[in-house]
Amino acid sequence: EIADGMDIAAYSVAHSQSQTLQDIGTGVLAKTLDMAKIERAQL
């Protein structure tokens, strides 16, 4: 949400940073799941 006193530019930057962190988290989760699949096959 746009907080009091936050302009559109600040909101845009905050939203972009939030989206980037979410994308990184999704990527890390995908790699973790891939590694778990490999380890399960080896076990």
PDB file of all heavy atoms in Angstrom:
ATOM      1  N   GLU A   1       0.838  -1.189   0.000  1.00  0.00           N
ATOM      2  CA  GLU A   1       0.000   0.000   0.000  1.00  0.00           C
ATOM      3  C   GLU A   1       0.876   1.243   0.000  1.00  0.00           C
ATOM      4  O   GLU A   1       1.994   1.225   0.509  1.00  0.00           O
ATOM      5  CB  GLU A   1      -0.884   0.020   1.241  1.00  0.00           C
ATOM      6  CG  GLU A   1      -1.894  -1.106   1.277  1.00  0.00           C
ATOM      7  CD  GLU A   1      -2.773  -1.030   2.512  1.00  0.00           C
ATOM      8  OE1 GLU A   1      -2.851   0.047   3.115  1.00  0.00           O
ATOM      9  OE2 GLU A   1      -3.368  -2.047   2.848  1.00  0.00           O
ATOM     10  N   ILE A   2       0.337   2.294  -0.564  1.00  0.00           N
ATOM     11  CA  ILE A   2       1.055   3.573  -0.548  1.00  0.00           C
ATOM     12  C   ILE A   2       0.819   4.212   0.813  1.00  0.00           C
ATOM     13  O   ILE A   2      -0.310   4.485   1.205  1.00  0.00           O
ATOM     14  CB  ILE A   2       0.574   4.495  -1.679  1.00  0.00           C
ATOM     15  CG1 ILE A   2       0.883   3.853  -3.040  1.00  0.00           C
ATOM     16  CG2 ILE A   2       1.236   5.857  -1.575  1.00  0.00           C
ATOM     17  CD1 ILE A   2       0.406   4.668  -4.224  1.00  0.00           C
ATOM     18  N   ALA A   3       1.905   4.416   1.553  1.00  0.00           N
ATOM     19  CA  ALA A   3       1.801   5.017   2.877  1.00  0.00           C
ATOM     20  C   ALA A   3       1.626   6.525   2.747  1.00  0.00           C
ATOM     21  O   ALA A   3       1.860   7.114   1.694  1.00  0.00           O
ATOM     22  CB  ALA A   3       3.051   4.709   3.688  1.00  0.00           C
ATOM     23  N   ASP A   4       1.201   7.160   3.854  1.00  0.00           N
ATOM     24  CA  ASP A   4       1.041   8.615   3.852  1.00  0.00           C
ATOM     25  C   ASP A   4       2.379   9.267   3.535  1.00  0.00           C
ATOM     26  O   ASP A   4       3.409   8.928   4.106  1.00  0.00           O
ATOM     27  CB  ASP A   4       0.552   9.097   5.216  1.00  0.00           C
ATOM     28  CG  ASP A   4      -0.881   8.655   5.480  1.00  0.00           C
ATOM     29  OD1 ASP A   4      -1.606   8.401   4.496  1.00  0.00           O
ATOM     30  OD2 ASP A   4      -1.253   8.558   6.667  1.00  0.00           O
ATOM     31  N   GLY A   5       2.367  10.171   2.616  1.00  0.00           N
ATOM     32  CA  GLY A   5       3.576  10.906   2.269  1.00  0.00           C
ATOM     33  C   GLY A   5       4.440  10.197   1.237  1.00  0.00           C
ATOM     34  O   GLY A   5       5.460  10.729   0.817  1.00  0.00           O
ATOM     35  N   MET A   6       4.084   8.981   0.830  1.00  0.00           N
ATOM     36  CA  MET A   6       4.883   8.248  -0.158  1.00  0.00           C
ATOM     37  C   MET A   6       4.387   8.631  -1.549  1.00  0.00           C
ATOM     38  O   MET A   6       3.216   8.516  -1.850  1.00  0.00           O
ATOM     39  CB  MET A   6       4.763   6.740   0.052  1.00  0.00           C
ATOM     40  CG  MET A   6       5.593   5.904  -0.897  1.00  0.00           C
ATOM     41  SD  MET A   6       5.333   4.127  -0.674  1.00  0.00           S
ATOM     42  CE  MET A   6       6.544   3.777   0.579  1.00  0.00           C
ATOM     43  N   ASP A   7       5.281   9.083  -2.373  1.00  0.00           N
ATOM     44  CA  ASP A   7       4.868   9.427  -3.727  1.00  0.00           C
ATOM     45  C   ASP A   7       4.951   8.204  -4.637  1.00  0.00           C
ATOM     46  O   ASP A   7       5.399   7.133  -4.237  1.00  0.00           O
ATOM     47  CB  ASP A   7       5.695  10.590  -4.268  1.00  0.00           C
ATOM     48  CG  ASP A   7       7.179  10.284  -4.336  1.00  0.00           C
ATOM     49  OD1 ASP A   7       7.586   9.168  -3.965  1.00  0.00           O
ATOM     50  OD2 ASP A   7       7.938  11.160  -4.786  1.00  0.00           O
ATOM     51  N   ILE A   8       4.519   8.385  -5.865  1.00  0.00           N
ATOM     52  CA  ILE A   8       4.468   7.281  -6.819  1.00  0.00           C
ATOM     53  C   ILE A   8       5.862   6.721  -7.092  1.00  0.00           C
ATOM     54  O   ILE A   8       6.043   5.502  -7.193  1.00  0.00           O
ATOM     55  CB  ILE A   8       3.804   7.746  -8.136  1.00  0.00           C
ATOM     56  CG1 ILE A   8       2.368   8.197  -7.887  1.00  0.00           C
ATOM     57  CG2 ILE A   8       3.855   6.649  -9.185  1.00  0.00           C
ATOM     58  CD1 ILE A   8       1.450   7.106  -7.403  1.00  0.00           C
ATOM     59  N   ALA A   9       6.857   7.570  -7.191  1.00  0.00           N
ATOM     60  CA  ALA A   9       8.226   7.116  -7.475  1.00  0.00           C
ATOM     61  C   ALA A   9       8.755   6.243  -6.333  1.00  0.00           C
ATOM     62  O   ALA A   9       9.349   5.183  -6.570  1.00  0.00           O
ATOM     63  CB  ALA A   9       9.147   8.302  -7.702  1.00  0.00           C
ATOM     64  N   ALA A  10       8.522   6.674  -5.103  1.00  0.00           N
ATOM     65  CA  ALA A  10       8.986   5.889  -3.953  1.00  0.00           C
ATOM     66  C   ALA A  10       8.252   4.561  -3.890  1.00  0.00           C
ATOM     67  O   ALA A  10       8.848   3.513  -3.584  1.00  0.00           O
ATOM     68  CB  ALA A  10       8.776   6.675  -2.664  1.00  0.00           C
ATOM     69  N   TYR A  11       6.964   4.581  -4.185  1.00  0.00           N
ATOM     70  CA  TYR A  11       6.190   3.343  -4.215  1.00  0.00           C
ATOM     71  C   TYR A  11       6.728   2.399  -5.284  1.00  0.00           C
ATOM     72  O   TYR A  11       6.861   1.201  -5.057  1.00  0.00           O
ATOM     73  CB  TYR A  11       4.712   3.635  -4.472  1.00  0.00           C
ATOM     74  CG  TYR A  11       3.907   2.386  -4.712  1.00  0.00           C
ATOM     75  CD1 TYR A  11       3.538   1.570  -3.636  1.00  0.00           C
ATOM     76  CD2 TYR A  11       3.552   1.989  -5.988  1.00  0.00           C
ATOM     77  CE1 TYR A  11       2.813   0.407  -3.847  1.00  0.00           C
ATOM     78  CE2 TYR A  11       2.841   0.821  -6.211  1.00  0.00           C
ATOM     79  CZ  TYR A  11       2.475   0.034  -5.134  1.00  0.00           C
ATOM     80  OH  TYR A  11       1.777  -1.118  -5.348  1.00  0.00           O
ATOM     81  N   SER A  12       7.042   2.951  -6.435  1.00  0.00           N
ATOM     82  CA  SER A  12       7.558   2.150  -7.545  1.00  0.00           C
ATOM     83  C   SER A  12       8.875   1.473  -7.160  1.00  0.00           C
ATOM     84  O   SER A  12       9.087   0.292  -7.442  1.00  0.00           O
ATOM     85  CB  SER A  12       7.755   3.027  -8.777  1.00  0.00           C
ATOM     86  OG  SER A  12       8.337   2.291  -9.822  1.00  0.00           O
ATOM     87  N   VAL A  13       9.765   2.204  -6.515  1.00  0.00           N
ATOM     88  CA  VAL A  13      11.049   1.642  -6.086  1.00  0.00           C
ATOM     89  C   VAL A  13      10.828   0.555  -5.043  1.00  0.00           C
ATOM     90  O   VAL A  13      11.408  -0.531  -5.127  1.00  0.00           O
ATOM     91  CB  VAL A  13      11.974   2.758  -5.538  1.00  0.00           C
ATOM     92  CG1 VAL A  13      13.196   2.160  -4.859  1.00  0.00           C
ATOM     93  CG2 VAL A  13      12.393   3.700  -6.660  1.00  0.00           C
ATOM     94  N   ALA A  14       9.980   0.828  -4.066  1.00  0.00           N
ATOM     95  CA  ALA A  14       9.707  -0.156  -3.014  1.00  0.00           C
ATOM     96  C   ALA A  14       9.075  -1.413  -3.604  1.00  0.00           C
ATOM     97  O   ALA A  14       9.434  -2.540  -3.229  1.00  0.00           O
ATOM     98  CB  ALA A  14       8.798   0.458  -1.950  1.00  0.00           C
ATOM     99  N   HIS A  15       8.173  -1.247  -4.531  1.00  0.00           N
ATOM    100  CA  HIS A  15       7.512  -2.389  -5.156  1.00  0.00           C
ATOM    101  C   HIS A  15       8.513  -3.209  -5.970  1.00  0.00           C
ATOM    102  O   HIS A  15       8.500  -4.445  -5.934  1.00  0.00           O
ATOM    103  CB  HIS A  15       6.356  -1.929  -6.039  1.00  0.00           C
ATOM    104  CG  HIS A  15       5.650  -3.044  -6.729  1.00  0.00           C
ATOM    105  ND1 HIS A  15       4.862  -3.948  -6.047  1.00  0.00           N
ATOM    106  CD2 HIS A  15       5.630  -3.440  -8.017  1.00  0.00           C
ATOM    107  CE1 HIS A  15       4.386  -4.834  -6.897  1.00  0.00           C
ATOM    108  NE2 HIS A  15       4.841  -4.548  -8.114  1.00  0.00           N
ATOM    109  N   SER A  16       9.389  -2.527  -6.684  1.00  0.00           N
ATOM    110  CA  SER A  16      10.409  -3.208  -7.487  1.00  0.00           C
ATOM    111  C   SER A  16      11.354  -4.007  -6.601  1.00  0.00           C
ATOM    112  O   SER A  16      11.703  -5.151  -6.919  1.00  0.00           O
ATOM    113  CB  SER A  16      11.192  -2.180  -8.304  1.00  0.00           C
ATOM    114  OG  SER A  16      12.224  -2.804  -9.021  1.00  0.00           O
ATOM    115  N   GLN A  17      11.774  -3.421  -5.491  1.00  0.00           N
ATOM    116  CA  GLN A  17      12.653  -4.125  -4.552  1.00  0.00           C
ATOM    117  C   GLN A  17      11.946  -5.342  -3.963  1.00  0.00           C
ATOM    118  O   GLN A  17      12.541  -6.415  -3.833  1.00  0.00           O
ATOM    119  CB  GLN A  17      13.107  -3.187  -3.438  1.00  0.00           C
ATOM    120  CG  GLN A  17      14.091  -2.141  -3.898  1.00  0.00           C
ATOM    121  CD  GLN A  17      14.405  -1.126  -2.816  1.00  0.00           C
ATOM    122  OE1 GLN A  17      13.686  -1.016  -1.823  1.00  0.00           O
ATOM    123  NE2 GLN A  17      15.467  -0.369  -3.012  1.00  0.00           N
ATOM    124  N   SER A  18      10.685  -5.179  -3.622  1.00  0.00           N
ATOM    125  CA  SER A  18       9.913  -6.284  -3.068  1.00  0.00           C
ATOM    126  C   SER A  18       9.781  -7.412  -4.086  1.00  0.00           C
ATOM    127  O   SER A  18       9.946  -8.592  -3.751  1.00  0.00           O
ATOM    128  CB  SER A  18       8.530  -5.781  -2.656  1.00  0.00           C
ATOM    129  OG  SER A  18       7.720  -6.847  -2.249  1.00  0.00           O
ATOM    130  N   GLN A  19       9.522  -7.070  -5.335  1.00  0.00           N
ATOM    131  CA  GLN A  19       9.386  -8.067  -6.398  1.00  0.00           C
ATOM    132  C   GLN A  19      10.714  -8.784  -6.633  1.00  0.00           C
ATOM    133  O   GLN A  19      10.744  -9.998  -6.827  1.00  0.00           O
ATOM    134  CB  GLN A  19       8.905  -7.409  -7.693  1.00  0.00           C
ATOM    135  CG  GLN A  19       8.621  -8.397  -8.797  1.00  0.00           C
ATOM    136  CD  GLN A  19       7.475  -9.338  -8.462  1.00  0.00           C
ATOM    137  OE1 GLN A  19       6.466  -8.919  -7.908  1.00  0.00           O
ATOM    138  NE2 GLN A  19       7.621 -10.600  -8.788  1.00  0.00           N
ATOM    139  N   THR A  20      11.820  -8.036  -6.591  1.00  0.00           N
ATOM    140  CA  THR A  20      13.145  -8.636  -6.773  1.00  0.00           C
ATOM    141  C   THR A  20      13.444  -9.633  -5.663  1.00  0.00           C
ATOM    142  O   THR A  20      13.927 -10.739  -5.930  1.00  0.00           O
ATOM    143  CB  THR A  20      14.236  -7.548  -6.802  1.00  0.00           C
ATOM    144  OG1 THR A  20      13.954  -6.643  -7.884  1.00  0.00           O
ATOM    145  CG2 THR A  20      15.611  -8.141  -6.997  1.00  0.00           C
ATOM    146  N   LEU A  21      13.153  -9.279  -4.423  1.00  0.00           N
ATOM    147  CA  LEU A  21      13.374 -10.196  -3.302  1.00  0.00           C
ATOM    148  C   LEU A  21      12.507 -11.444  -3.424  1.00  0.00           C
ATOM    149  O   LEU A  21      12.958 -12.561  -3.139  1.00  0.00           O
ATOM    150  CB  LEU A  21      13.100  -9.485  -1.974  1.00  0.00           C
ATOM    151  CG  LEU A  21      14.128  -8.435  -1.570  1.00  0.00           C
ATOM    152  CD1 LEU A  21      13.663  -7.705  -0.303  1.00  0.00           C
ATOM    153  CD2 LEU A  21      15.489  -9.059  -1.355  1.00  0.00           C
ATOM    154  N   GLN A  22      11.292 -11.269  -3.891  1.00  0.00           N
ATOM    155  CA  GLN A  22      10.409 -12.418  -4.082  1.00  0.00           C
ATOM    156  C   GLN A  22      10.949 -13.324  -5.186  1.00  0.00           C
ATOM    157  O   GLN A  22      10.934 -14.554  -5.050  1.00  0.00           O
ATOM    158  CB  GLN A  22       8.998 -11.949  -4.424  1.00  0.00           C
ATOM    159  CG  GLN A  22       8.001 -13.082  -4.538  1.00  0.00           C
ATOM    160  CD  GLN A  22       6.591 -12.562  -4.801  1.00  0.00           C
ATOM    161  OE1 GLN A  22       6.348 -11.363  -4.924  1.00  0.00           O
ATOM    162  NE2 GLN A  22       5.647 -13.485  -4.889  1.00  0.00           N
ATOM    163  N   ASP A  23      11.440 -12.747  -6.271  1.00  0.00           N
ATOM    164  CA  ASP A  23      12.005 -13.536  -7.369  1.00  0.00           C
ATOM    165  C   ASP A  23      13.251 -14.298  -6.919  1.00  0.00           C
ATOM    166  O   ASP A  23      13.450 -15.461  -7.289  1.00  0.00           O
ATOM    167  CB  ASP A  23      12.353 -12.640  -8.557  1.00  0.00           C
ATOM    168  CG  ASP A  23      11.123 -12.071  -9.250  1.00  0.00           C
ATOM    169  OD1 ASP A  23      10.012 -12.596  -9.011  1.00  0.00           O
ATOM    170  OD2 ASP A  23      11.279 -11.099 -10.011  1.00  0.00           O
ATOM    171  N   ILE A  24      14.080 -13.665  -6.112  1.00  0.00           N
ATOM    172  CA  ILE A  24      15.276 -14.330  -5.590  1.00  0.00           C
ATOM    173  C   ILE A  24      14.868 -15.497  -4.691  1.00  0.00           C
ATOM    174  O   ILE A  24      15.410 -16.597  -4.791  1.00  0.00           O
ATOM    175  CB  ILE A  24      16.176 -13.339  -4.831  1.00  0.00           C
ATOM    176  CG1 ILE A  24      16.814 -12.359  -5.817  1.00  0.00           C
ATOM    177  CG2 ILE A  24      17.248 -14.065  -4.024  1.00  0.00           C
ATOM    178  CD1 ILE A  24      17.522 -11.202  -5.158  1.00  0.00           C
ATOM    179  N   GLY A  25      13.905 -15.273  -3.827  1.00  0.00           N
ATOM    180  CA  GLY A  25      13.426 -16.334  -2.945  1.00  0.00           C
ATOM    181  C   GLY A  25      12.861 -17.512  -3.726  1.00  0.00           C
ATOM    182  O   GLY A  25      13.111 -18.676  -3.392  1.00  0.00           O
ATOM    183  N   THR A  26      12.132 -17.222  -4.786  1.00  0.00           N
ATOM    184  CA  THR A  26      11.577 -18.284  -5.625  1.00  0.00           C
ATOM    185  C   THR A  26      12.690 -19.063  -6.308  1.00  0.00           C
ATOM    186  O   THR A  26      12.639 -20.294  -6.400  1.00  0.00           O
ATOM    187  CB  THR A  26      10.618 -17.691  -6.678  1.00  0.00           C
ATOM    188  OG1 THR A  26       9.597 -16.975  -6.001  1.00  0.00           O
ATOM    189  CG2 THR A  26      10.002 -18.774  -7.534  1.00  0.00           C
ATOM    190  N   GLY A  27      13.722 -18.362  -6.776  1.00  0.00           N
ATOM    191  CA  GLY A  27      14.856 -19.024  -7.413  1.00  0.00           C
ATOM    192  C   GLY A  27      15.608 -19.925  -6.456  1.00  0.00           C
ATOM    193  O   GLY A  27      15.990 -21.050  -6.804  1.00  0.00           O
ATOM    194  N   VAL A  28      15.825 -19.443  -5.246  1.00  0.00           N
ATOM    195  CA  VAL A  28      16.519 -20.248  -4.231  1.00  0.00           C
ATOM    196  C   VAL A  28      15.691 -21.482  -3.884  1.00  0.00           C
ATOM    197  O   VAL A  28      16.226 -22.588  -3.747  1.00  0.00           O
ATOM    198  CB  VAL A  28      16.814 -19.401  -2.966  1.00  0.00           C
ATOM    199  CG1 VAL A  28      17.291 -20.269  -1.826  1.00  0.00           C
ATOM    200  CG2 VAL A  28      17.838 -18.322  -3.277  1.00  0.00           C
ATOM    201  N   LEU A  29      14.392 -21.323  -3.762  1.00  0.00           N
ATOM    202  CA  LEU A  29      13.521 -22.455  -3.471  1.00  0.00           C
ATOM    203  C   LEU A  29      13.576 -23.488  -4.593  1.00  0.00           C
ATOM    204  O   LEU A  29      13.640 -24.694  -4.335  1.00  0.00           O
ATOM    205  CB  LEU A  29      12.086 -21.985  -3.263  1.00  0.00           C
ATOM    206  CG  LEU A  29      11.055 -23.079  -3.003  1.00  0.00           C
ATOM    207  CD1 LEU A  29      11.391 -23.858  -1.731  1.00  0.00           C
ATOM    208  CD2 LEU A  29       9.659 -22.481  -2.904  1.00  0.00           C
ATOM    209  N   ALA A  30      13.579 -23.045  -5.839  1.00  0.00           N
ATOM    210  CA  ALA A  30      13.652 -23.968  -6.974  1.00  0.00           C
ATOM    211  C   ALA A  30      14.954 -24.762  -6.943  1.00  0.00           C
ATOM    212  O   ALA A  30      14.958 -25.974  -7.169  1.00  0.00           O
ATOM    213  CB  ALA A  30      13.534 -23.204  -8.286  1.00  0.00           C
ATOM    214  N   LYS A  31      16.068 -24.084  -6.649  1.00  0.00           N
ATOM    215  CA  LYS A  31      17.360 -24.781  -6.558  1.00  0.00           C
ATOM    216  C   LYS A  31      17.356 -25.777  -5.401  1.00  0.00           C
ATOM    217  O   LYS A  31      17.890 -26.874  -5.516  1.00  0.00           O
ATOM    218  CB  LYS A  31      18.507 -23.778  -6.367  1.00  0.00           C
ATOM    219  CG  LYS A  31      18.873 -23.027  -7.597  1.00  0.00           C
ATOM    220  CD  LYS A  31      19.531 -23.950  -8.585  1.00  0.00           C
ATOM    221  CE  LYS A  31      20.036 -23.190  -9.778  1.00  0.00           C
ATOM    222  NZ  LYS A  31      20.559 -24.069 -10.794  1.00  0.00           N
ATOM    223  N   THR A  32      16.764 -25.402  -4.287  1.00  0.00           N
ATOM    224  CA  THR A  32      16.688 -26.283  -3.133  1.00  0.00           C
ATOM    225  C   THR A  32      15.878 -27.539  -3.466  1.00  0.00           C
ATOM    226  O   THR A  32      16.268 -28.656  -3.105  1.00  0.00           O
ATOM    227  CB  THR A  32      16.045 -25.553  -1.937  1.00  0.00           C
ATOM    228  OG1 THR A  32      16.815 -24.390  -1.640  1.00  0.00           O
ATOM    229  CG2 THR A  32      15.982 -26.432  -0.708  1.00  0.00           C
ATOM    230  N   LEU A  33      14.780 -27.366  -4.169  1.00  0.00           N
ATOM    231  CA  LEU A  33      13.960 -28.512  -4.563  1.00  0.00           C
ATOM    232  C   LEU A  33      14.710 -29.418  -5.548  1.00  0.00           C
ATOM    233  O   LEU A  33      14.619 -30.643  -5.461  1.00  0.00           O
ATOM    234  CB  LEU A  33      12.643 -28.042  -5.169  1.00  0.00           C
ATOM    235  CG  LEU A  33      11.668 -27.381  -4.195  1.00  0.00           C
ATOM    236  CD1 LEU A  33      10.466 -26.810  -4.951  1.00  0.00           C
ATOM    237  CD2 LEU A  33      11.225 -28.351  -3.121  1.00  0.00           C
ATOM    238  N   ASP A  34      15.461 -28.816  -6.470  1.00  0.00           N
ATOM    239  CA  ASP A  34      16.265 -29.610  -7.405  1.00  0.00           C
ATOM    240  C   ASP A  34      17.312 -30.433  -6.662  1.00  0.00           C
ATOM    241  O   ASP A  34      17.518 -31.611  -6.955  1.00  0.00           O
ATOM    242  CB  ASP A  34      16.954 -28.713  -8.435  1.00  0.00           C
ATOM    243  CG  ASP A  34      15.980 -28.111  -9.432  1.00  0.00           C
ATOM    244  OD1 ASP A  34      14.843 -28.612  -9.539  1.00  0.00           O
ATOM    245  OD2 ASP A  34      16.371 -27.124 -10.108  1.00  0.00           O
ATOM    246  N   MET A  35      17.984 -29.809  -5.703  1.00  0.00           N
ATOM    247  CA  MET A  35      19.007 -30.515  -4.930  1.00  0.00           C
ATOM    248  C   MET A  35      18.375 -31.631  -4.100  1.00  0.00           C
ATOM    249  O   MET A  35      18.949 -32.714  -3.969  1.00  0.00           O
ATOM    250  CB  MET A  35      19.771 -29.552  -4.016  1.00  0.00           C
ATOM    251  CG  MET A  35      20.690 -28.606  -4.762  1.00  0.00           C
ATOM    252  SD  MET A  35      21.954 -29.454  -5.729  1.00  0.00           S
ATOM    253  CE  MET A  35      22.827 -30.347  -4.479  1.00  0.00           C
ATOM    254  N   ALA A  36      17.188 -31.396  -3.540  1.00  0.00           N
ATOM    255  CA  ALA A  36      16.509 -32.423  -2.762  1.00  0.00           C
ATOM    256  C   ALA A  36      16.151 -33.618  -3.644  1.00  0.00           C
ATOM    257  O   ALA A  36      16.272 -34.773  -3.211  1.00  0.00           O
ATOM    258  CB  ALA A  36      15.244 -31.851  -2.114  1.00  0.00           C
ATOM    259  N   LYS A  37      15.746 -33.353  -4.891  1.00  0.00           N
ATOM    260  CA  LYS A  37      15.416 -34.435  -5.809  1.00  0.00           C
ATOM    261  C   LYS A  37      16.664 -35.274  -6.112  1.00  0.00           C
ATOM    262  O   LYS A  37      16.610 -36.507  -6.117  1.00  0.00           O
ATOM    263  CB  LYS A  37      14.854 -33.864  -7.109  1.00  0.00           C
ATOM    264  CG  LYS A  37      14.434 -34.931  -8.103  1.00  0.00           C
ATOM    265  CD  LYS A  37      14.050 -34.334  -9.449  1.00  0.00           C
ATOM    266  CE  LYS A  37      12.663 -33.758  -9.400  1.00  0.00           C
ATOM    267  NZ  LYS A  37      12.192 -33.320 -10.741  1.00  0.00           N
ATOM    268  N   ILE A  38      17.792 -34.616  -6.343  1.00  0.00           N
ATOM    269  CA  ILE A  38      19.047 -35.323  -6.632  1.00  0.00           C
ATOM    270  C   ILE A  38      19.489 -36.148  -5.423  1.00  0.00           C
ATOM    271  O   ILE A  38      19.868 -37.314  -5.549  1.00  0.00           O
ATOM    272  CB  ILE A  38      20.143 -34.319  -7.044  1.00  0.00           C
ATOM    273  CG1 ILE A  38      19.811 -33.718  -8.410  1.00  0.00           C
ATOM    274  CG2 ILE A  38      21.515 -34.981  -7.071  1.00  0.00           C
ATOM    275  CD1 ILE A  38      20.664 -32.525  -8.784  1.00  0.00           C
ATOM    276  N   GLU A  39      19.432 -35.541  -4.243  1.00  0.00           N
ATOM    277  CA  GLU A  39      19.832 -36.247  -3.021  1.00  0.00           C
ATOM    278  C   GLU A  39      18.920 -37.438  -2.742  1.00  0.00           C
ATOM    279  O   GLU A  39      19.380 -38.484  -2.289  1.00  0.00           O
ATOM    280  CB  GLU A  39      19.843 -35.283  -1.838  1.00  0.00           C
ATOM    281  CG  GLU A  39      20.979 -34.274  -1.914  1.00  0.00           C
ATOM    282  CD  GLU A  39      20.888 -33.206  -0.849  1.00  0.00           C
ATOM    283  OE1 GLU A  39      19.929 -33.223  -0.046  1.00  0.00           O
ATOM    284  OE2 GLU A  39      21.775 -32.346  -0.824  1.00  0.00           O
ATOM    285  N   ARG A  40      17.628 -37.279  -3.020  1.00  0.00           N
ATOM    286  CA  ARG A  40      16.690 -38.386  -2.822  1.00  0.00           C
ATOM    287  C   ARG A  40      17.026 -39.550  -3.751  1.00  0.00           C
ATOM    288  O   ARG A  40      17.017 -40.710  -3.332  1.00  0.00           O
ATOM    289  CB  ARG A  40      15.262 -37.904  -3.064  1.00  0.00           C
ATOM    290  CG  ARG A  40      14.207 -38.961  -2.749  1.00  0.00           C
ATOM    291  CD  ARG A  40      12.807 -38.439  -2.936  1.00  0.00           C
ATOM    292  NE  ARG A  40      12.556 -38.113  -4.322  1.00  0.00           N
ATOM    293  CZ  ARG A  40      12.045 -36.953  -4.755  1.00  0.00           C
ATOM    294  NH1 ARG A  40      11.726 -36.026  -3.887  1.00  0.00           N
ATOM    295  NH2 ARG A  40      11.855 -36.724  -6.026  1.00  0.00           N
ATOM    296  N   ALA A  41      17.369 -39.249  -4.993  1.00  0.00           N
ATOM    297  CA  ALA A  41      17.738 -40.296  -5.948  1.00  0.00           C
ATOM    298  C   ALA A  41      19.024 -41.001  -5.511  1.00  0.00           C
ATOM    299  O   ALA A  41      19.132 -42.230  -5.599  1.00  0.00           O
ATOM    300  CB  ALA A  41      17.908 -39.709  -7.341  1.00  0.00           C
ATOM    301  N   GLN A  42      19.989 -40.237  -5.024  1.00  0.00           N
ATOM    302  CA  GLN A  42      21.241 -40.826  -4.555  1.00  0.00           C
ATOM    303  C   GLN A  42      21.012 -41.699  -3.324  1.00  0.00           C
ATOM    304  O   GLN A  42      21.597 -42.781  -3.205  1.00  0.00           O
ATOM    305  CB  GLN A  42      22.265 -39.734  -4.237  1.00  0.00           C
ATOM    306  CG  GLN A  42      22.788 -39.030  -5.467  1.00  0.00           C
ATOM    307  CD  GLN A  42      23.682 -37.842  -5.122  1.00  0.00           C
ATOM    308  OE1 GLN A  42      23.650 -37.339  -4.013  1.00  0.00           O
ATOM    309  NE2 GLN A  42      24.453 -37.399  -6.102  1.00  0.00           N
ATOM    310  N   LEU A  43      20.176 -41.251  -2.414  1.00  0.00           N
ATOM    311  CA  LEU A  43      19.878 -42.030  -1.216  1.00  0.00           C
ATOM    312  C   LEU A  43      19.157 -43.322  -1.575  1.00  0.00           C
ATOM    313  O   LEU A  43      19.468 -44.388  -1.030  1.00  0.00           O
ATOM    314  CB  LEU A  43      19.028 -41.207  -0.246  1.00  0.00           C
ATOM    315  CG  LEU A  43      18.626 -41.886   1.056  1.00  0.00           C
ATOM    316  CD1 LEU A  43      19.859 -42.268   1.863  1.00  0.00           C
ATOM    317  CD2 LEU A  43      17.718 -40.991   1.864  1.00  0.00           C
TER     318      LEU A  43
END
